[in-house]
Amino acid sequence: MQRYALEQYEDLADIKCVIVHTMTFPVEWLTNYFSCLTTEQSMACLQEMLRVNICQNLQVVIQIATKYSDILGPVKLIEMLESYKTFEGVYYYLGSIANLSTDPEVHFKYIQAATRTGQILEVEHICRESNYYNLEKVKNFLKEAKLGDQLPPIIVCNRFDFDHDLVLYLYQNNLINFTEVYVQRVNSIRTPQVVGGLLDEARRFLADVDCDENTIRLSLPLSLATSPLTSSYMKSSNATD
């Protein structure tokens, strides 16, 4: 009965009244039905489905959004989902299209949604593999996100040679133990830059304190403080002072 009504209705208000009852329609049929609607009608119906019962209708809305993404436009669909504060919806929608998109905003929003829904492994994956996100935008977002695991910003800074920015950020936010993660798990070749950056920051921070070499070493993660590279760097640094 409901399906017949939708097939007969032409007035948008009538369509919206019926289409929100998604449980009464086969998902495939309902998804295909949207091919009969204009872009404006489709967006209006999707918004109504979310407004009336977001818990019940979110999954089918994501399926419809994914199928007609090129027609409806990712920007409008993201704005719609964000207006209902469903980062889960944004995450699953963009997860279906991100691999096919070269739009930097799509990749940024996917990283953002994955972060806000706790999908940190996926954040790491797209930070490592995507070639389309805006570096500064993503880097700044990840810094401000205050993640328990700092691997995502480490991955971004490593890919784009932002060693100094990374060391400065980790040092100033009392996260220097993550420098060990960087040089042990991500890129050991960058150890000289990391050690040098940490020692420079430690020297600046302790500049107004009467501190010796051992005090500066204590400000570093253990594996770096005891590294021969650290001793070598400090000797060469002292020689130039």
C-alpha atoms as a PDB file:
ATOM      1  CA  MET A   1       0.000   0.000   0.000  1.00  0.00           C
ATOM      2  CA  GLN A   2       2.771   2.449   0.989  1.00  0.00           C
ATOM      3  CA  ARG A   3       4.789   1.538  -2.082  1.00  0.00           C
ATOM      4  CA  TYR A   4       1.794   2.095  -4.337  1.00  0.00           C
ATOM      5  CA  ALA A   5       1.183   5.483  -2.695  1.00  0.00           C
ATOM      6  CA  LEU A   6       4.747   6.616  -3.356  1.00  0.00           C
ATOM      7  CA  GLU A   7       4.519   5.521  -6.970  1.00  0.00           C
ATOM      8  CA  GLN A   8       1.381   7.633  -7.418  1.00  0.00           C
ATOM      9  CA  TYR A   9       2.288  10.753  -5.439  1.00  0.00           C
ATOM     10  CA  GLU A  10       3.767  13.781  -7.206  1.00  0.00           C
ATOM     11  CA  ASP A  11       3.422  16.391  -4.476  1.00  0.00           C
ATOM     12  CA  LEU A  12       6.570  16.609  -2.338  1.00  0.00           C
ATOM     13  CA  ALA A  13       4.637  17.043   0.897  1.00  0.00           C
ATOM     14  CA  ASP A  14       2.753  13.793   0.250  1.00  0.00           C
ATOM     15  CA  ILE A  15       5.953  11.958  -0.670  1.00  0.00           C
ATOM     16  CA  LYS A  16       7.665  13.120   2.528  1.00  0.00           C
ATOM     17  CA  CYS A  17       4.757  11.954   4.676  1.00  0.00           C
ATOM     18  CA  VAL A  18       5.081   8.406   3.374  1.00  0.00           C
ATOM     19  CA  ILE A  19       8.792   7.998   2.698  1.00  0.00           C
ATOM     20  CA  VAL A  20       9.837   8.503   6.320  1.00  0.00           C
ATOM     21  CA  HIS A  21       8.380   5.076   7.171  1.00  0.00           C
ATOM     22  CA  THR A  22      11.405   3.316   5.732  1.00  0.00           C
ATOM     23  CA  MET A  23      10.751   0.040   7.535  1.00  0.00           C
ATOM     24  CA  THR A  24       7.713  -0.564   5.319  1.00  0.00           C
ATOM     25  CA  PHE A  25       9.797  -0.599   2.106  1.00  0.00           C
ATOM     26  CA  PRO A  26      12.401  -3.032   0.777  1.00  0.00           C
ATOM     27  CA  VAL A  27      15.708  -1.146   0.999  1.00  0.00           C
ATOM     28  CA  GLU A  28      16.668  -1.799  -2.614  1.00  0.00           C
ATOM     29  CA  TRP A  29      13.289  -0.639  -3.891  1.00  0.00           C
ATOM     30  CA  LEU A  30      13.398   2.532  -1.789  1.00  0.00           C
ATOM     31  CA  THR A  31      16.936   3.302  -2.931  1.00  0.00           C
ATOM     32  CA  ASN A  32      15.978   2.903  -6.579  1.00  0.00           C
ATOM     33  CA  TYR A  33      12.875   5.047  -6.039  1.00  0.00           C
ATOM     34  CA  PHE A  34      15.107   8.084  -5.534  1.00  0.00           C
ATOM     35  CA  SER A  35      16.091   7.894  -9.199  1.00  0.00           C
ATOM     36  CA  CYS A  36      12.569   9.179  -9.941  1.00  0.00           C
ATOM     37  CA  LEU A  37      13.066  12.313  -7.834  1.00  0.00           C
ATOM     38  CA  THR A  38      14.798  15.583  -8.629  1.00  0.00           C
ATOM     39  CA  THR A  39      17.900  16.614  -6.697  1.00  0.00           C
ATOM     40  CA  GLU A  40      15.863  19.052  -4.613  1.00  0.00           C
ATOM     41  CA  GLN A  41      13.192  16.446  -3.862  1.00  0.00           C
ATOM     42  CA  SER A  42      15.813  13.872  -2.928  1.00  0.00           C
ATOM     43  CA  MET A  43      17.568  16.188  -0.475  1.00  0.00           C
ATOM     44  CA  ALA A  44      14.256  17.232   1.059  1.00  0.00           C
ATOM     45  CA  CYS A  45      13.229  13.603   1.542  1.00  0.00           C
ATOM     46  CA  LEU A  46      16.564  12.589   3.068  1.00  0.00           C
ATOM     47  CA  GLN A  47      16.383  15.493   5.500  1.00  0.00           C
ATOM     48  CA  GLU A  48      12.833  14.545   6.469  1.00  0.00           C
ATOM     49  CA  MET A  49      13.869  10.920   7.017  1.00  0.00           C
ATOM     50  CA  LEU A  50      16.590  12.052   9.414  1.00  0.00           C
ATOM     51  CA  ARG A  51      14.365  14.582  11.170  1.00  0.00           C
ATOM     52  CA  VAL A  52      11.531  12.153  11.854  1.00  0.00           C
ATOM     53  CA  ASN A  53      13.583   9.163  13.018  1.00  0.00           C
ATOM     54  CA  ILE A  54      17.343   9.369  12.634  1.00  0.00           C
ATOM     55  CA  CYS A  55      17.994   6.123  14.518  1.00  0.00           C
ATOM     56  CA  GLN A  56      15.681   4.106  12.286  1.00  0.00           C
ATOM     57  CA  ASN A  57      16.464   5.825   9.002  1.00  0.00           C
ATOM     58  CA  LEU A  58      20.179   6.651   9.145  1.00  0.00           C
ATOM     59  CA  GLN A  59      21.391   3.431   7.542  1.00  0.00           C
ATOM     60  CA  VAL A  60      19.130   3.698   4.512  1.00  0.00           C
ATOM     61  CA  VAL A  61      19.900   7.420   4.192  1.00  0.00           C
ATOM     62  CA  ILE A  62      23.613   6.554   4.002  1.00  0.00           C
ATOM     63  CA  GLN A  63      22.907   3.900   1.373  1.00  0.00           C
ATOM     64  CA  ILE A  64      20.907   6.350  -0.739  1.00  0.00           C
ATOM     65  CA  ALA A  65      23.497   9.110  -0.259  1.00  0.00           C
ATOM     66  CA  THR A  66      26.246   6.750  -1.394  1.00  0.00           C
ATOM     67  CA  LYS A  67      24.405   5.623  -4.523  1.00  0.00           C
ATOM     68  CA  TYR A  68      23.495   9.140  -5.643  1.00  0.00           C
ATOM     69  CA  SER A  69      26.576  10.919  -4.271  1.00  0.00           C
ATOM     70  CA  ASP A  70      27.717  12.264  -7.643  1.00  0.00           C
ATOM     71  CA  ILE A  71      24.253  13.638  -8.395  1.00  0.00           C
ATOM     72  CA  LEU A  72      23.412  15.108  -4.999  1.00  0.00           C
ATOM     73  CA  GLY A  73      26.970  16.259  -4.273  1.00  0.00           C
ATOM     74  CA  PRO A  74      29.200  15.288  -1.324  1.00  0.00           C
ATOM     75  CA  VAL A  75      29.281  18.828   0.082  1.00  0.00           C
ATOM     76  CA  LYS A  76      25.493  19.029   0.441  1.00  0.00           C
ATOM     77  CA  LEU A  77      25.263  15.508   1.833  1.00  0.00           C
ATOM     78  CA  ILE A  78      28.000  16.145   4.395  1.00  0.00           C
ATOM     79  CA  GLU A  79      26.341  19.408   5.460  1.00  0.00           C
ATOM     80  CA  MET A  80      23.024  17.591   5.844  1.00  0.00           C
ATOM     81  CA  LEU A  81      24.493  14.833   8.015  1.00  0.00           C
ATOM     82  CA  GLU A  82      26.496  17.298  10.108  1.00  0.00           C
ATOM     83  CA  SER A  83      23.391  19.413  10.682  1.00  0.00           C
ATOM     84  CA  TYR A  84      21.934  16.400  12.520  1.00  0.00           C
ATOM     85  CA  LYS A  85      25.223  15.943  14.412  1.00  0.00           C
ATOM     86  CA  THR A  86      25.671  12.407  13.150  1.00  0.00           C
ATOM     87  CA  PHE A  87      29.419  12.035  12.720  1.00  0.00           C
ATOM     88  CA  GLU A  88      28.777   8.309  12.485  1.00  0.00           C
ATOM     89  CA  GLY A  89      26.677   9.001   9.404  1.00  0.00           C
ATOM     90  CA  VAL A  90      29.391  11.199   7.888  1.00  0.00           C
ATOM     91  CA  TYR A  91      31.981   8.512   8.607  1.00  0.00           C
ATOM     92  CA  TYR A  92      30.091   5.657   6.966  1.00  0.00           C
ATOM     93  CA  TYR A  93      28.963   7.759   4.005  1.00  0.00           C
ATOM     94  CA  LEU A  94      32.447   9.068   3.254  1.00  0.00           C
ATOM     95  CA  GLY A  95      33.966   5.656   3.908  1.00  0.00           C
ATOM     96  CA  SER A  96      32.020   4.477   0.867  1.00  0.00           C
ATOM     97  CA  ILE A  97      33.236   7.218  -1.477  1.00  0.00           C
ATOM     98  CA  ALA A  98      36.600   8.493  -0.183  1.00  0.00           C
ATOM     99  CA  ASN A  99      38.661   5.985  -2.159  1.00  0.00           C
ATOM    100  CA  LEU A 100      37.016   7.208  -5.366  1.00  0.00           C
ATOM    101  CA  SER A 101      37.279  10.927  -4.603  1.00  0.00           C
ATOM    102  CA  THR A 102      40.085  13.400  -5.245  1.00  0.00           C
ATOM    103  CA  ASP A 103      38.314  16.210  -3.376  1.00  0.00           C
ATOM    104  CA  PRO A 104      40.508  17.433  -0.463  1.00  0.00           C
ATOM    105  CA  GLU A 105      37.409  18.397   1.538  1.00  0.00           C
ATOM    106  CA  VAL A 106      36.008  14.859   1.282  1.00  0.00           C
ATOM    107  CA  HIS A 107      39.272  13.427   2.614  1.00  0.00           C
ATOM    108  CA  PHE A 108      39.471  16.015   5.398  1.00  0.00           C
ATOM    109  CA  LYS A 109      35.883  15.412   6.485  1.00  0.00           C
ATOM    110  CA  TYR A 110      36.511  11.669   6.466  1.00  0.00           C
ATOM    111  CA  ILE A 111      39.562  12.083   8.728  1.00  0.00           C
ATOM    112  CA  GLN A 112      37.550  14.411  10.949  1.00  0.00           C
ATOM    113  CA  ALA A 113      34.578  12.036  11.217  1.00  0.00           C
ATOM    114  CA  ALA A 114      36.806   9.002  11.805  1.00  0.00           C
ATOM    115  CA  THR A 115      38.574  10.875  14.597  1.00  0.00           C
ATOM    116  CA  ARG A 116      35.337  11.954  16.255  1.00  0.00           C
ATOM    117  CA  THR A 117      33.910   8.433  16.135  1.00  0.00           C
ATOM    118  CA  GLY A 118      37.061   6.882  17.570  1.00  0.00           C
ATOM    119  CA  GLN A 119      38.114   5.069  14.395  1.00  0.00           C
ATOM    120  CA  ILE A 120      41.798   5.816  14.968  1.00  0.00           C
ATOM    121  CA  LEU A 121      43.136   2.937  12.879  1.00  0.00           C
ATOM    122  CA  GLU A 122      41.199   4.308   9.911  1.00  0.00           C
ATOM    123  CA  VAL A 123      42.541   7.796  10.637  1.00  0.00           C
ATOM    124  CA  GLU A 124      46.054   6.351  10.526  1.00  0.00           C
ATOM    125  CA  HIS A 125      45.273   4.525   7.288  1.00  0.00           C
ATOM    126  CA  ILE A 126      43.952   7.512   5.354  1.00  0.00           C
ATOM    127  CA  CYS A 127      46.681   9.821   6.723  1.00  0.00           C
ATOM    128  CA  ARG A 128      49.220   7.318   5.433  1.00  0.00           C
ATOM    129  CA  GLU A 129      47.606   6.455   2.083  1.00  0.00           C
ATOM    130  CA  SER A 130      45.624   9.476   0.866  1.00  0.00           C
ATOM    131  CA  ASN A 131      47.282  11.880  -1.554  1.00  0.00           C
ATOM    132  CA  TYR A 132      44.432  14.357  -1.610  1.00  0.00           C
ATOM    133  CA  TYR A 133      43.974  15.908   1.816  1.00  0.00           C
ATOM    134  CA  ASN A 134      45.036  19.458   2.654  1.00  0.00           C
ATOM    135  CA  LEU A 135      48.189  19.059   4.727  1.00  0.00           C
ATOM    136  CA  GLU A 136      47.884  22.181   6.887  1.00  0.00           C
ATOM    137  CA  LYS A 137      44.195  21.648   7.560  1.00  0.00           C
ATOM    138  CA  VAL A 138      44.630  18.009   8.571  1.00  0.00           C
ATOM    139  CA  LYS A 139      47.796  18.658  10.585  1.00  0.00           C
ATOM    140  CA  ASN A 140      46.162  21.458  12.576  1.00  0.00           C
ATOM    141  CA  PHE A 141      42.984  19.453  13.162  1.00  0.00           C
ATOM    142  CA  LEU A 142      44.907  16.442  14.483  1.00  0.00           C
ATOM    143  CA  LYS A 143      46.960  18.652  16.792  1.00  0.00           C
ATOM    144  CA  GLU A 144      43.825  20.245  18.217  1.00  0.00           C
ATOM    145  CA  ALA A 145      41.991  16.912  18.564  1.00  0.00           C
ATOM    146  CA  LYS A 146      44.050  15.967  21.660  1.00  0.00           C
ATOM    147  CA  LEU A 147      44.244  12.311  20.678  1.00  0.00           C
ATOM    148  CA  GLY A 148      45.354   9.712  23.182  1.00  0.00           C
ATOM    149  CA  ASP A 149      47.395   8.149  20.394  1.00  0.00           C
ATOM    150  CA  GLN A 150      49.564  10.670  18.549  1.00  0.00           C
ATOM    151  CA  LEU A 151      50.373   8.343  15.645  1.00  0.00           C
ATOM    152  CA  PRO A 152      48.073  10.159  13.138  1.00  0.00           C
ATOM    153  CA  PRO A 153      49.846  13.556  13.405  1.00  0.00           C
ATOM    154  CA  ILE A 154      53.186  11.718  13.464  1.00  0.00           C
ATOM    155  CA  ILE A 155      52.290   9.992  10.184  1.00  0.00           C
ATOM    156  CA  VAL A 156      51.244  13.278   8.552  1.00  0.00           C
ATOM    157  CA  CYS A 157      54.357  15.176   9.668  1.00  0.00           C
ATOM    158  CA  ASN A 158      56.622  12.318   8.625  1.00  0.00           C
ATOM    159  CA  ARG A 159      55.089  12.090   5.138  1.00  0.00           C
ATOM    160  CA  PHE A 160      55.531  15.777   4.470  1.00  0.00           C
ATOM    161  CA  ASP A 161      58.833  16.437   6.277  1.00  0.00           C
ATOM    162  CA  PHE A 162      57.434  18.506   9.129  1.00  0.00           C
ATOM    163  CA  ASP A 163      59.866  17.140  11.725  1.00  0.00           C
ATOM    164  CA  HIS A 164      60.429  20.486  13.425  1.00  0.00           C
ATOM    165  CA  ASP A 165      56.691  21.206  13.721  1.00  0.00           C
ATOM    166  CA  LEU A 166      56.106  17.740  15.155  1.00  0.00           C
ATOM    167  CA  VAL A 167      58.885  17.916  17.737  1.00  0.00           C
ATOM    168  CA  LEU A 168      57.800  21.409  18.805  1.00  0.00           C
ATOM    169  CA  TYR A 169      54.173  20.277  19.164  1.00  0.00           C
ATOM    170  CA  LEU A 170      55.058  17.135  21.150  1.00  0.00           C
ATOM    171  CA  TYR A 171      57.492  18.981  23.407  1.00  0.00           C
ATOM    172  CA  GLN A 172      55.196  21.907  24.188  1.00  0.00           C
ATOM    173  CA  ASN A 173      52.277  19.575  24.992  1.00  0.00           C
ATOM    174  CA  ASN A 174      54.260  17.223  27.257  1.00  0.00           C
ATOM    175  CA  LEU A 175      53.980  14.425  24.713  1.00  0.00           C
ATOM    176  CA  ILE A 176      57.676  13.868  24.084  1.00  0.00           C
ATOM    177  CA  ASN A 177      57.422  10.136  24.804  1.00  0.00           C
ATOM    178  CA  PHE A 178      55.720   9.906  21.413  1.00  0.00           C
ATOM    179  CA  THR A 179      59.017  10.879  19.806  1.00  0.00           C
ATOM    180  CA  GLU A 180      60.059   7.311  20.623  1.00  0.00           C
ATOM    181  CA  VAL A 181      57.038   6.072  18.701  1.00  0.00           C
ATOM    182  CA  TYR A 182      58.144   8.209  15.772  1.00  0.00           C
ATOM    183  CA  VAL A 183      61.729   6.989  15.551  1.00  0.00           C
ATOM    184  CA  GLN A 184      61.031   3.375  16.563  1.00  0.00           C
ATOM    185  CA  ARG A 185      57.804   2.607  14.714  1.00  0.00           C
ATOM    186  CA  VAL A 186      57.523   5.135  11.901  1.00  0.00           C
ATOM    187  CA  ASN A 187      60.880   6.353  10.612  1.00  0.00           C
ATOM    188  CA  SER A 188      64.179   5.619  12.353  1.00  0.00           C
ATOM    189  CA  ILE A 189      66.036   7.565   9.655  1.00  0.00           C
ATOM    190  CA  ARG A 190      64.632  10.776  11.164  1.00  0.00           C
ATOM    191  CA  THR A 191      66.247  10.105  14.561  1.00  0.00           C
ATOM    192  CA  PRO A 192      68.959  12.806  14.095  1.00  0.00           C
ATOM    193  CA  GLN A 193      66.350  15.480  13.331  1.00  0.00           C
ATOM    194  CA  VAL A 194      64.196  14.394  16.271  1.00  0.00           C
ATOM    195  CA  VAL A 195      67.091  14.312  18.739  1.00  0.00           C
ATOM    196  CA  GLY A 196      68.364  17.661  17.499  1.00  0.00           C
ATOM    197  CA  GLY A 197      64.925  19.235  17.695  1.00  0.00           C
ATOM    198  CA  LEU A 198      64.271  17.906  21.206  1.00  0.00           C
ATOM    199  CA  LEU A 199      67.613  19.097  22.509  1.00  0.00           C
ATOM    200  CA  ASP A 200      67.135  22.529  20.965  1.00  0.00           C
ATOM    201  CA  GLU A 201      63.717  22.843  22.598  1.00  0.00           C
ATOM    202  CA  ALA A 202      65.053  21.583  25.935  1.00  0.00           C
ATOM    203  CA  ARG A 203      67.888  24.106  25.822  1.00  0.00           C
ATOM    204  CA  ARG A 204      65.484  26.945  25.049  1.00  0.00           C
ATOM    205  CA  PHE A 205      63.088  25.885  27.798  1.00  0.00           C
ATOM    206  CA  LEU A 206      65.869  25.591  30.383  1.00  0.00           C
ATOM    207  CA  ALA A 207      67.828  28.603  29.166  1.00  0.00           C
ATOM    208  CA  ASP A 208      67.120  30.644  32.305  1.00  0.00           C
ATOM    209  CA  VAL A 209      67.986  27.752  34.629  1.00  0.00           C
ATOM    210  CA  ASP A 210      71.509  26.817  35.672  1.00  0.00           C
ATOM    211  CA  CYS A 211      71.365  23.296  34.245  1.00  0.00           C
ATOM    212  CA  ASP A 212      74.019  20.911  33.066  1.00  0.00           C
ATOM    213  CA  GLU A 213      74.083  18.257  30.340  1.00  0.00           C
ATOM    214  CA  ASN A 214      72.500  15.593  32.573  1.00  0.00           C
ATOM    215  CA  THR A 215      69.525  17.847  33.354  1.00  0.00           C
ATOM    216  CA  ILE A 216      68.860  18.329  29.662  1.00  0.00           C
ATOM    217  CA  ARG A 217      69.147  14.579  29.062  1.00  0.00           C
ATOM    218  CA  LEU A 218      66.504  13.933  31.737  1.00  0.00           C
ATOM    219  CA  SER A 219      64.010  15.916  29.676  1.00  0.00           C
ATOM    220  CA  LEU A 220      64.250  13.349  26.853  1.00  0.00           C
ATOM    221  CA  PRO A 221      62.618   9.927  26.511  1.00  0.00           C
ATOM    222  CA  LEU A 222      64.939   7.255  27.963  1.00  0.00           C
ATOM    223  CA  SER A 223      65.816   5.567  24.666  1.00  0.00           C
ATOM    224  CA  LEU A 224      66.847   8.912  23.168  1.00  0.00           C
ATOM    225  CA  ALA A 225      68.568  10.261  26.276  1.00  0.00           C
ATOM    226  CA  THR A 226      70.938   7.279  26.317  1.00  0.00           C
ATOM    227  CA  SER A 227      71.519   7.254  22.573  1.00  0.00           C
ATOM    228  CA  PRO A 228      75.106   7.746  21.340  1.00  0.00           C
ATOM    229  CA  LEU A 229      73.577  10.118  18.804  1.00  0.00           C
ATOM    230  CA  THR A 230      72.423  12.373  21.635  1.00  0.00           C
ATOM    231  CA  SER A 231      75.906  12.479  23.153  1.00  0.00           C
ATOM    232  CA  SER A 232      77.405  13.265  19.776  1.00  0.00           C
ATOM    233  CA  TYR A 233      74.884  16.039  19.125  1.00  0.00           C
ATOM    234  CA  MET A 234      75.446  17.622  22.541  1.00  0.00           C
ATOM    235  CA  LYS A 235      79.219  17.544  22.146  1.00  0.00           C
ATOM    236  CA  SER A 236      79.051  19.219  18.748  1.00  0.00           C
ATOM    237  CA  SER A 237      76.520  21.724  20.062  1.00  0.00           C
ATOM    238  CA  ASN A 238      78.692  22.577  23.063  1.00  0.00           C
ATOM    239  CA  ALA A 239      81.683  22.972  20.795  1.00  0.00           C
ATOM    240  CA  THR A 240      79.911  25.706  18.858  1.00  0.00           C
ATOM    241  CA  ASP A 241      78.641  27.565  21.930  1.00  0.00           C
END
